[in-house]
PDB file of N, CA and C in Angstrom:
ATOM      1  N   MET A   1     -17.494 -25.580 -20.437  1.00  0.00           N
ATOM      2  CA  MET A   1     -16.409 -25.214 -20.906  1.00  0.00           C
ATOM      3  C   MET A   1     -16.243 -25.573 -19.596  1.00  0.00           C
ATOM      4  N   SER A   2     -14.722 -26.350 -19.924  1.00  0.00           N
ATOM      5  CA  SER A   2     -13.672 -27.011 -18.559  1.00  0.00           C
ATOM      6  C   SER A   2     -12.674 -25.829 -18.416  1.00  0.00           C
ATOM      7  N   ASP A   3     -12.523 -26.232 -17.348  1.00  0.00           N
ATOM      8  CA  ASP A   3     -11.365 -25.472 -16.184  1.00  0.00           C
ATOM      9  C   ASP A   3     -10.280 -25.136 -17.406  1.00  0.00           C
ATOM     10  N   GLU A   4      -9.878 -25.458 -18.056  1.00  0.00           N
ATOM     11  CA  GLU A   4      -8.592 -25.050 -18.410  1.00  0.00           C
ATOM     12  C   GLU A   4      -9.022 -24.112 -19.869  1.00  0.00           C
ATOM     13  N   ALA A   5     -10.563 -23.759 -20.565  1.00  0.00           N
ATOM     14  CA  ALA A   5     -10.659 -23.789 -21.699  1.00  0.00           C
ATOM     15  C   ALA A   5     -10.923 -21.838 -20.751  1.00  0.00           C
ATOM     16  N   ILE A   6     -12.123 -21.832 -19.391  1.00  0.00           N
ATOM     17  CA  ILE A   6     -12.055 -20.535 -19.211  1.00  0.00           C
ATOM     18  C   ILE A   6     -10.631 -19.771 -18.843  1.00  0.00           C
ATOM     19  N   ALA A   7     -10.020 -20.622 -17.949  1.00  0.00           N
ATOM     20  CA  ALA A   7      -8.880 -19.997 -17.741  1.00  0.00           C
ATOM     21  C   ALA A   7      -8.148 -19.482 -18.764  1.00  0.00           C
ATOM     22  N   HIS A   8      -8.331 -20.396 -19.715  1.00  0.00           N
ATOM     23  CA  HIS A   8      -7.532 -20.172 -21.063  1.00  0.00           C
ATOM     24  C   HIS A   8      -8.002 -18.963 -21.761  1.00  0.00           C
ATOM     25  N   ALA A   9      -9.048 -18.536 -21.323  1.00  0.00           N
ATOM     26  CA  ALA A   9     -10.720 -17.388 -22.180  1.00  0.00           C
ATOM     27  C   ALA A   9     -10.343 -16.613 -21.081  1.00  0.00           C
ATOM     28  N   LEU A  10      -9.775 -16.275 -20.356  1.00  0.00           N
ATOM     29  CA  LEU A  10     -10.000 -15.622 -19.138  1.00  0.00           C
ATOM     30  C   LEU A  10      -8.030 -15.255 -18.780  1.00  0.00           C
ATOM     31  N   ASP A  11      -7.009 -15.523 -19.399  1.00  0.00           N
ATOM     32  CA  ASP A  11      -6.130 -15.486 -19.207  1.00  0.00           C
ATOM     33  C   ASP A  11      -6.066 -15.393 -17.709  1.00  0.00           C
ATOM     34  N   VAL A  12      -6.719 -16.451 -16.715  1.00  0.00           N
ATOM     35  CA  VAL A  12      -5.984 -16.474 -15.701  1.00  0.00           C
ATOM     36  C   VAL A  12      -5.500 -17.859 -15.618  1.00  0.00           C
ATOM     37  N   ASN A  13      -4.576 -18.608 -14.422  1.00  0.00           N
ATOM     38  CA  ASN A  13      -4.807 -19.914 -14.010  1.00  0.00           C
ATOM     39  C   ASN A  13      -5.639 -20.728 -13.580  1.00  0.00           C
ATOM     40  N   ARG A  14      -5.836 -21.862 -13.957  1.00  0.00           N
ATOM     41  CA  ARG A  14      -6.739 -23.005 -13.638  1.00  0.00           C
ATOM     42  C   ARG A  14      -7.071 -23.304 -12.503  1.00  0.00           C
ATOM     43  N   SER A  15      -6.397 -23.252 -11.572  1.00  0.00           N
ATOM     44  CA  SER A  15      -6.667 -23.296 -10.097  1.00  0.00           C
ATOM     45  C   SER A  15      -7.360 -21.759  -9.735  1.00  0.00           C
ATOM     46  N   THR A  16      -7.150 -20.569 -10.114  1.00  0.00           N
ATOM     47  CA  THR A  16      -8.167 -19.803 -10.199  1.00  0.00           C
ATOM     48  C   THR A  16     -10.189 -20.132 -10.578  1.00  0.00           C
ATOM     49  N   VAL A  17      -9.673 -20.561 -11.533  1.00  0.00           N
ATOM     50  CA  VAL A  17     -10.932 -21.083 -12.138  1.00  0.00           C
ATOM     51  C   VAL A  17     -11.799 -22.171 -11.104  1.00  0.00           C
ATOM     52  N   GLU A  18     -10.100 -23.104 -10.635  1.00  0.00           N
ATOM     53  CA  GLU A  18     -11.580 -24.168  -9.824  1.00  0.00           C
ATOM     54  C   GLU A  18     -11.916 -22.976  -8.240  1.00  0.00           C
ATOM     55  N   ARG A  19     -11.155 -22.732  -7.751  1.00  0.00           N
ATOM     56  CA  ARG A  19     -11.582 -21.607  -6.035  1.00  0.00           C
ATOM     57  C   ARG A  19     -12.742 -20.516  -6.995  1.00  0.00           C
ATOM     58  N   VAL A  20     -12.870 -20.218  -7.878  1.00  0.00           N
ATOM     59  CA  VAL A  20     -13.857 -19.640  -7.953  1.00  0.00           C
ATOM     60  C   VAL A  20     -15.567 -20.327  -8.141  1.00  0.00           C
ATOM     61  N   ARG A  21     -14.990 -21.155  -8.617  1.00  0.00           N
ATOM     62  CA  ARG A  21     -16.193 -22.605  -8.625  1.00  0.00           C
ATOM     63  C   ARG A  21     -16.832 -22.735  -7.852  1.00  0.00           C
ATOM     64  N   ILE A  22     -15.286 -23.303  -6.342  1.00  0.00           N
ATOM     65  CA  ILE A  22     -15.788 -24.369  -5.560  1.00  0.00           C
ATOM     66  C   ILE A  22     -16.787 -23.071  -4.753  1.00  0.00           C
ATOM     67  N   ARG A  23     -15.853 -21.704  -4.728  1.00  0.00           N
ATOM     68  CA  ARG A  23     -16.987 -20.753  -4.072  1.00  0.00           C
ATOM     69  C   ARG A  23     -17.926 -20.232  -4.393  1.00  0.00           C
ATOM     70  N   CYS A  24     -18.156 -20.278  -5.728  1.00  0.00           N
ATOM     71  CA  CYS A  24     -19.801 -20.418  -5.817  1.00  0.00           C
ATOM     72  C   CYS A  24     -20.892 -20.976  -5.356  1.00  0.00           C
ATOM     73  N   VAL A  25     -20.526 -22.411  -5.525  1.00  0.00           N
ATOM     74  CA  VAL A  25     -20.623 -23.216  -5.348  1.00  0.00           C
ATOM     75  C   VAL A  25     -20.893 -23.022  -3.807  1.00  0.00           C
ATOM     76  N   GLU A  26     -20.223 -23.123  -3.015  1.00  0.00           N
ATOM     77  CA  GLU A  26     -19.831 -23.332  -1.460  1.00  0.00           C
ATOM     78  C   GLU A  26     -20.604 -21.495  -1.111  1.00  0.00           C
ATOM     79  N   GLU A  27     -20.768 -20.496  -1.004  1.00  0.00           N
ATOM     80  CA  GLU A  27     -21.188 -19.909  -1.011  1.00  0.00           C
ATOM     81  C   GLU A  27     -22.444 -18.530  -1.420  1.00  0.00           C
ATOM     82  N   GLY A  28     -22.499 -19.140  -3.202  1.00  0.00           N
ATOM     83  CA  GLY A  28     -23.268 -18.163  -3.905  1.00  0.00           C
ATOM     84  C   GLY A  28     -22.703 -17.486  -4.267  1.00  0.00           C
ATOM     85  N   PHE A  29     -23.304 -17.645  -6.310  1.00  0.00           N
ATOM     86  CA  PHE A  29     -23.083 -16.478  -6.695  1.00  0.00           C
ATOM     87  C   PHE A  29     -22.851 -15.331  -6.537  1.00  0.00           C
ATOM     88  N   GLU A  30     -23.108 -14.798  -5.821  1.00  0.00           N
ATOM     89  CA  GLU A  30     -22.509 -13.186  -5.278  1.00  0.00           C
ATOM     90  C   GLU A  30     -21.081 -13.345  -4.532  1.00  0.00           C
ATOM     91  N   ALA A  31     -20.971 -14.267  -4.003  1.00  0.00           N
ATOM     92  CA  ALA A  31     -19.884 -13.930  -3.223  1.00  0.00           C
ATOM     93  C   ALA A  31     -18.501 -14.429  -3.592  1.00  0.00           C
ATOM     94  N   ALA A  32     -18.907 -14.808  -5.091  1.00  0.00           N
ATOM     95  CA  ALA A  32     -17.771 -15.745  -5.666  1.00  0.00           C
ATOM     96  C   ALA A  32     -17.282 -14.073  -6.110  1.00  0.00           C
ATOM     97  N   LEU A  33     -18.041 -13.592  -6.888  1.00  0.00           N
ATOM     98  CA  LEU A  33     -17.831 -12.437  -7.487  1.00  0.00           C
ATOM     99  C   LEU A  33     -16.711 -11.258  -6.661  1.00  0.00           C
ATOM    100  N   ARG A  34     -17.146 -11.488  -5.172  1.00  0.00           N
ATOM    101  CA  ARG A  34     -15.974 -10.576  -4.805  1.00  0.00           C
ATOM    102  C   ARG A  34     -15.335 -11.191  -4.014  1.00  0.00           C
ATOM    103  N   PRO A  35     -14.388 -10.520  -4.239  1.00  0.00           N
ATOM    104  CA  PRO A  35     -12.692 -10.418  -3.197  1.00  0.00           C
ATOM    105  C   PRO A  35     -13.080 -11.190  -2.310  1.00  0.00           C
ATOM    106  N   ARG A  36     -12.680 -12.036  -1.716  1.00  0.00           N
ATOM    107  CA  ARG A  36     -12.697 -12.952   0.344  1.00  0.00           C
ATOM    108  C   ARG A  36     -12.177 -11.213   0.922  1.00  0.00           C
ATOM    109  N   PRO A  37     -12.406 -10.912   2.104  1.00  0.00           N
ATOM    110  CA  PRO A  37     -12.137  -9.611   2.828  1.00  0.00           C
ATOM    111  C   PRO A  37     -11.078 -10.416   3.290  1.00  0.00           C
ATOM    112  N   SER A  38      -9.609  -9.227   3.459  1.00  0.00           N
ATOM    113  CA  SER A  38      -8.205  -9.945   4.404  1.00  0.00           C
ATOM    114  C   SER A  38      -8.370 -10.201   5.412  1.00  0.00           C
ATOM    115  N   HIS A  39      -7.580 -10.883   5.950  1.00  0.00           N
ATOM    116  CA  HIS A  39      -7.949 -11.304   7.399  1.00  0.00           C
ATOM    117  C   HIS A  39      -7.039 -10.386   8.525  1.00  0.00           C
ATOM    118  N   GLN A  40      -5.449 -10.219   7.447  1.00  0.00           N
ATOM    119  CA  GLN A  40      -4.680  -9.484   7.995  1.00  0.00           C
ATOM    120  C   GLN A  40      -4.313  -8.679   8.198  1.00  0.00           C
ATOM    121  N   LEU A  41      -4.447  -7.805   9.545  1.00  0.00           N
ATOM    122  CA  LEU A  41      -4.727  -6.582  10.170  1.00  0.00           C
ATOM    123  C   LEU A  41      -3.275  -6.049   9.787  1.00  0.00           C
ATOM    124  N   HIS A  42      -2.935  -4.583   9.192  1.00  0.00           N
ATOM    125  CA  HIS A  42      -2.196  -3.986   9.520  1.00  0.00           C
ATOM    126  C   HIS A  42      -2.301  -2.664  10.321  1.00  0.00           C
ATOM    127  N   PRO A  43      -1.491  -2.690  11.002  1.00  0.00           N
ATOM    128  CA  PRO A  43      -1.993  -0.904  12.048  1.00  0.00           C
ATOM    129  C   PRO A  43      -1.436  -0.271  11.271  1.00  0.00           C
ATOM    130  N   ARG A  44      -2.090   1.174  11.042  1.00  0.00           N
ATOM    131  CA  ARG A  44      -1.510   2.845  10.338  1.00  0.00           C
ATOM    132  C   ARG A  44      -0.189   2.842  10.753  1.00  0.00           C
ATOM    133  N   LYS A  45       1.108   2.719  10.154  1.00  0.00           N
ATOM    134  CA  LYS A  45       2.619   3.153  11.174  1.00  0.00           C
ATOM    135  C   LYS A  45       2.312   4.970  11.561  1.00  0.00           C
ATOM    136  N   LEU A  46       1.257   5.782  10.204  1.00  0.00           N
ATOM    137  CA  LEU A  46       1.545   7.168  11.114  1.00  0.00           C
ATOM    138  C   LEU A  46      -0.091   7.152  10.820  1.00  0.00           C
ATOM    139  N   ASP A  47      -0.613   8.408  11.611  1.00  0.00           N
ATOM    140  CA  ASP A  47      -1.849   9.066  11.214  1.00  0.00           C
ATOM    141  C   ASP A  47      -2.467   9.578  10.909  1.00  0.00           C
ATOM    142  N   GLY A  48      -3.073  10.421  10.773  1.00  0.00           N
ATOM    143  CA  GLY A  48      -3.383  11.529   9.627  1.00  0.00           C
ATOM    144  C   GLY A  48      -3.006  12.836   9.976  1.00  0.00           C
ATOM    145  N   ALA A  49      -2.609  13.147  11.238  1.00  0.00           N
ATOM    146  CA  ALA A  49      -1.520  14.744  11.652  1.00  0.00           C
ATOM    147  C   ALA A  49      -0.238  13.813  11.806  1.00  0.00           C
ATOM    148  N   GLN A  50       0.468  12.918  11.596  1.00  0.00           N
ATOM    149  CA  GLN A  50       1.790  12.560  11.287  1.00  0.00           C
ATOM    150  C   GLN A  50       1.875  12.456   9.674  1.00  0.00           C
ATOM    151  N   GLU A  51       1.277  12.404   8.815  1.00  0.00           N
ATOM    152  CA  GLU A  51       0.748  12.258   7.468  1.00  0.00           C
ATOM    153  C   GLU A  51       1.210  13.193   6.818  1.00  0.00           C
ATOM    154  N   ALA A  52       0.595  14.468   7.816  1.00  0.00           N
ATOM    155  CA  ALA A  52       0.174  15.561   6.783  1.00  0.00           C
ATOM    156  C   ALA A  52       1.361  16.328   7.901  1.00  0.00           C
ATOM    157  N   HIS A  53       2.418  15.819   8.415  1.00  0.00           N
ATOM    158  CA  HIS A  53       3.623  16.904   9.248  1.00  0.00           C
ATOM    159  C   HIS A  53       4.380  16.467   7.728  1.00  0.00           C
ATOM    160  N   LEU A  54       4.769  14.775   7.506  1.00  0.00           N
ATOM    161  CA  LEU A  54       5.593  14.326   6.922  1.00  0.00           C
ATOM    162  C   LEU A  54       5.627  15.008   5.402  1.00  0.00           C
ATOM    163  N   VAL A  55       4.015  15.356   4.584  1.00  0.00           N
ATOM    164  CA  VAL A  55       3.965  15.812   3.476  1.00  0.00           C
ATOM    165  C   VAL A  55       4.696  16.895   3.478  1.00  0.00           C
ATOM    166  N   ALA A  56       4.603  17.833   5.122  1.00  0.00           N
ATOM    167  CA  ALA A  56       4.616  19.342   5.014  1.00  0.00           C
ATOM    168  C   ALA A  56       6.236  18.976   4.999  1.00  0.00           C
ATOM    169  N   LEU A  57       6.653  18.568   5.178  1.00  0.00           N
ATOM    170  CA  LEU A  57       8.057  18.122   5.191  1.00  0.00           C
ATOM    171  C   LEU A  57       8.741  18.611   4.368  1.00  0.00           C
ATOM    172  N   ALA A  58       8.137  16.824   3.692  1.00  0.00           N
ATOM    173  CA  ALA A  58       8.857  17.204   2.046  1.00  0.00           C
ATOM    174  C   ALA A  58       8.374  18.139   1.391  1.00  0.00           C
ATOM    175  N   CYS A  59       7.484  18.394   1.258  1.00  0.00           N
ATOM    176  CA  CYS A  59       7.240  20.480   0.406  1.00  0.00           C
ATOM    177  C   CYS A  59       7.976  21.135   0.913  1.00  0.00           C
ATOM    178  N   SER A  60       8.830  21.252   2.281  1.00  0.00           N
ATOM    179  CA  SER A  60       9.631  22.408   2.584  1.00  0.00           C
ATOM    180  C   SER A  60      10.885  22.205   2.026  1.00  0.00           C
ATOM    181  N   PRO A  61      11.733  23.442   1.909  1.00  0.00           N
ATOM    182  CA  PRO A  61      13.714  23.195   1.895  1.00  0.00           C
ATOM    183  C   PRO A  61      14.463  22.049   1.983  1.00  0.00           C
ATOM    184  N   PRO A  62      15.060  21.546   1.397  1.00  0.00           N
ATOM    185  CA  PRO A  62      15.485  20.321   1.603  1.00  0.00           C
ATOM    186  C   PRO A  62      16.855  20.699   3.113  1.00  0.00           C
ATOM    187  N   PRO A  63      17.665  20.154   3.853  1.00  0.00           N
ATOM    188  CA  PRO A  63      18.360  20.282   4.819  1.00  0.00           C
ATOM    189  C   PRO A  63      19.437  21.142   3.549  1.00  0.00           C
ATOM    190  N   THR A  64      20.758  21.768   4.616  1.00  0.00           N
ATOM    191  CA  THR A  64      21.005  22.575   3.481  1.00  0.00           C
ATOM    192  C   THR A  64      22.922  21.504   3.280  1.00  0.00           C
ATOM    193  N   GLY A  65      23.086  22.379   2.408  1.00  0.00           N
ATOM    194  CA  GLY A  65      24.015  21.005   1.800  1.00  0.00           C
ATOM    195  C   GLY A  65      23.485  19.650   0.744  1.00  0.00           C
ATOM    196  N   ARG A  66      21.689  20.186   1.163  1.00  0.00           N
ATOM    197  CA  ARG A  66      21.437  19.336  -0.399  1.00  0.00           C
ATOM    198  C   ARG A  66      20.776  19.853  -0.744  1.00  0.00           C
ATOM    199  N   ALA A  67      20.505  18.961  -1.911  1.00  0.00           N
ATOM    200  CA  ALA A  67      19.501  19.311  -3.270  1.00  0.00           C
ATOM    201  C   ALA A  67      18.194  19.339  -3.032  1.00  0.00           C
ATOM    202  N   ARG A  68      17.754  17.792  -2.836  1.00  0.00           N
ATOM    203  CA  ARG A  68      16.891  17.660  -1.825  1.00  0.00           C
ATOM    204  C   ARG A  68      16.434  16.650  -1.332  1.00  0.00           C
ATOM    205  N   TRP A  69      15.300  16.545  -0.452  1.00  0.00           N
ATOM    206  CA  TRP A  69      15.143  15.301   0.260  1.00  0.00           C
ATOM    207  C   TRP A  69      15.157  14.067  -0.415  1.00  0.00           C
ATOM    208  N   THR A  70      15.916  12.538   0.746  1.00  0.00           N
ATOM    209  CA  THR A  70      16.018  11.764   0.096  1.00  0.00           C
ATOM    210  C   THR A  70      15.005  11.189   0.945  1.00  0.00           C
ATOM    211  N   LEU A  71      14.139   9.721   1.291  1.00  0.00           N
ATOM    212  CA  LEU A  71      13.054   8.952   1.711  1.00  0.00           C
ATOM    213  C   LEU A  71      14.486   9.110   3.054  1.00  0.00           C
ATOM    214  N   ARG A  72      15.201   8.563   3.210  1.00  0.00           N
ATOM    215  CA  ARG A  72      16.271   8.309   4.588  1.00  0.00           C
ATOM    216  C   ARG A  72      16.002   9.204   5.095  1.00  0.00           C
ATOM    217  N   LEU A  73      16.077  10.478   4.781  1.00  0.00           N
ATOM    218  CA  LEU A  73      16.770  11.731   5.632  1.00  0.00           C
ATOM    219  C   LEU A  73      15.165  12.659   5.429  1.00  0.00           C
ATOM    220  N   LEU A  74      14.354  11.627   4.931  1.00  0.00           N
ATOM    221  CA  LEU A  74      12.906  12.312   5.908  1.00  0.00           C
ATOM    222  C   LEU A  74      12.675  11.334   6.549  1.00  0.00           C
ATOM    223  N   ALA A  75      12.974  10.280   6.762  1.00  0.00           N
ATOM    224  CA  ALA A  75      12.325   9.312   7.483  1.00  0.00           C
ATOM    225  C   ALA A  75      13.051   9.224   8.671  1.00  0.00           C
ATOM    226  N   ASP A  76      14.207   9.506   9.154  1.00  0.00           N
ATOM    227  CA  ASP A  76      15.466  10.534  10.204  1.00  0.00           C
ATOM    228  C   ASP A  76      14.928  11.819  10.603  1.00  0.00           C
ATOM    229  N   ARG A  77      14.414  12.642  10.275  1.00  0.00           N
ATOM    230  CA  ARG A  77      13.794  13.727  10.712  1.00  0.00           C
ATOM    231  C   ARG A  77      12.815  13.590  10.950  1.00  0.00           C
ATOM    232  N   VAL A  78      11.695  12.795  10.394  1.00  0.00           N
ATOM    233  CA  VAL A  78      10.464  12.524  11.202  1.00  0.00           C
ATOM    234  C   VAL A  78      10.610  12.477  13.047  1.00  0.00           C
ATOM    235  N   VAL A  79      11.845  11.452  12.899  1.00  0.00           N
ATOM    236  CA  VAL A  79      11.964  11.129  14.088  1.00  0.00           C
ATOM    237  C   VAL A  79      12.363  11.871  15.149  1.00  0.00           C
ATOM    238  N   GLU A  80      13.583  12.462  14.415  1.00  0.00           N
ATOM    239  CA  GLU A  80      14.298  13.776  15.384  1.00  0.00           C
ATOM    240  C   GLU A  80      13.208  15.108  15.372  1.00  0.00           C
ATOM    241  N   LEU A  81      12.153  15.277  15.165  1.00  0.00           N
ATOM    242  CA  LEU A  81      10.715  15.896  14.989  1.00  0.00           C
ATOM    243  C   LEU A  81      10.704  15.472  15.990  1.00  0.00           C
ATOM    244  N   GLU A  82      10.190  13.936  16.553  1.00  0.00           N
ATOM    245  CA  GLU A  82       9.329  13.241  17.814  1.00  0.00           C
ATOM    246  C   GLU A  82       7.738  13.647  16.549  1.00  0.00           C
ATOM    247  N   ILE A  83       8.097  13.246  15.491  1.00  0.00           N
ATOM    248  CA  ILE A  83       6.592  13.130  14.568  1.00  0.00           C
ATOM    249  C   ILE A  83       5.766  12.062  15.427  1.00  0.00           C
ATOM    250  N   ALA A  84       7.211  10.950  15.203  1.00  0.00           N
ATOM    251  CA  ALA A  84       6.854   9.716  15.355  1.00  0.00           C
ATOM    252  C   ALA A  84       7.954   9.131  15.986  1.00  0.00           C
ATOM    253  N   ASP A  85       7.665   7.923  16.938  1.00  0.00           N
ATOM    254  CA  ASP A  85       9.233   7.534  17.536  1.00  0.00           C
ATOM    255  C   ASP A  85      10.211   6.759  16.481  1.00  0.00           C
ATOM    256  N   ALA A  86       9.579   5.760  15.480  1.00  0.00           N
ATOM    257  CA  ALA A  86      10.380   5.554  13.944  1.00  0.00           C
ATOM    258  C   ALA A  86       9.743   5.293  13.508  1.00  0.00           C
ATOM    259  N   ILE A  87      10.240   5.316  11.936  1.00  0.00           N
ATOM    260  CA  ILE A  87       9.321   4.859  10.954  1.00  0.00           C
ATOM    261  C   ILE A  87      10.486   4.911   9.586  1.00  0.00           C
ATOM    262  N   SER A  88      10.311   4.120   8.738  1.00  0.00           N
ATOM    263  CA  SER A  88      11.095   3.318   8.312  1.00  0.00           C
ATOM    264  C   SER A  88      11.113   4.563   6.291  1.00  0.00           C
ATOM    265  N   HIS A  89      12.109   4.023   6.153  1.00  0.00           N
ATOM    266  CA  HIS A  89      12.160   4.815   4.388  1.00  0.00           C
ATOM    267  C   HIS A  89      11.018   4.930   3.193  1.00  0.00           C
ATOM    268  N   GLU A  90      10.946   3.370   4.147  1.00  0.00           N
ATOM    269  CA  GLU A  90      10.074   2.971   3.268  1.00  0.00           C
ATOM    270  C   GLU A  90       8.503   2.861   3.389  1.00  0.00           C
ATOM    271  N   THR A  91       8.084   3.611   4.451  1.00  0.00           N
ATOM    272  CA  THR A  91       6.556   3.944   4.757  1.00  0.00           C
ATOM    273  C   THR A  91       6.579   5.246   4.407  1.00  0.00           C
ATOM    274  N   VAL A  92       7.885   5.519   4.468  1.00  0.00           N
ATOM    275  CA  VAL A  92       7.651   7.424   3.818  1.00  0.00           C
ATOM    276  C   VAL A  92       7.577   7.273   2.276  1.00  0.00           C
ATOM    277  N   ARG A  93       8.315   6.168   1.608  1.00  0.00           N
ATOM    278  CA  ARG A  93       7.447   6.362   0.386  1.00  0.00           C
ATOM    279  C   ARG A  93       6.213   6.223   0.005  1.00  0.00           C
ATOM    280  N   GLN A  94       5.684   5.303   1.606  1.00  0.00           N
ATOM    281  CA  GLN A  94       4.381   4.315   0.446  1.00  0.00           C
ATOM    282  C   GLN A  94       3.100   5.828   0.883  1.00  0.00           C
ATOM    283  N   THR A  95       3.597   6.686   2.023  1.00  0.00           N
ATOM    284  CA  THR A  95       2.695   7.629   2.348  1.00  0.00           C
ATOM    285  C   THR A  95       2.725   8.618   1.539  1.00  0.00           C
ATOM    286  N   LEU A  96       3.812   8.930   0.608  1.00  0.00           N
ATOM    287  CA  LEU A  96       4.279  10.441   0.031  1.00  0.00           C
ATOM    288  C   LEU A  96       3.407   9.787  -1.058  1.00  0.00           C
ATOM    289  N   LYS A  97       3.392   8.229  -1.585  1.00  0.00           N
ATOM    290  CA  LYS A  97       3.097   7.970  -2.755  1.00  0.00           C
ATOM    291  C   LYS A  97       1.670   7.986  -2.944  1.00  0.00           C
ATOM    292  N   LYS A  98       0.984   7.494  -1.719  1.00  0.00           N
ATOM    293  CA  LYS A  98      -0.362   7.453  -1.500  1.00  0.00           C
ATOM    294  C   LYS A  98      -1.138   8.739  -1.571  1.00  0.00           C
ATOM    295  N   THR A  99      -0.186   9.881  -0.899  1.00  0.00           N
ATOM    296  CA  THR A  99      -0.588  11.494  -1.281  1.00  0.00           C
ATOM    297  C   THR A  99      -0.133  12.208  -2.522  1.00  0.00           C
ATOM    298  N   ASN A 100       0.131  11.180  -3.285  1.00  0.00           N
ATOM    299  CA  ASN A 100       0.690  12.039  -4.738  1.00  0.00           C
ATOM    300  C   ASN A 100       1.560  12.986  -4.348  1.00  0.00           C
ATOM    301  N   SER A 101       2.289  12.768  -3.613  1.00  0.00           N
ATOM    302  CA  SER A 101       3.362  13.723  -3.051  1.00  0.00           C
ATOM    303  C   SER A 101       4.991  13.157  -3.079  1.00  0.00           C
ATOM    304  N   SER A 102       6.163  13.929  -3.923  1.00  0.00           N
ATOM    305  CA  SER A 102       7.917  13.499  -3.563  1.00  0.00           C
ATOM    306  C   SER A 102       8.103  14.110  -3.104  1.00  0.00           C
ATOM    307  N   PRO A 103       9.887  13.792  -2.042  1.00  0.00           N
ATOM    308  CA  PRO A 103      10.238  14.119  -2.069  1.00  0.00           C
ATOM    309  C   PRO A 103      11.533  15.157  -2.735  1.00  0.00           C
ATOM    310  N   GLY A 104      11.703  16.170  -2.956  1.00  0.00           N
ATOM    311  CA  GLY A 104      12.148  17.047  -3.541  1.00  0.00           C
ATOM    312  C   GLY A 104      11.600  18.420  -4.137  1.00  0.00           C
TER     313      GLY A 104
END
């Protein structure tokens, strides 16, 4: 089959088929079936203990005058309680998503 036909059959881009074919030739069939390991290093923003504190905080009653925790409120409180030096609301979101928790 041509690369174009394979791409159409698998619903992928032709360049993907080309890259996999080249990898198969250069590195072998088994290597072509596995995704390449990522070389980017993304250090964790929070360790396990800090994540546990964040989850416990998210499960606690919200601040006075608030109906629920927001991601930004949680991020501010984590810094205020010195659980972490700095943390963004996006890190809070990703952490709570990973742990199947949600604020409020």
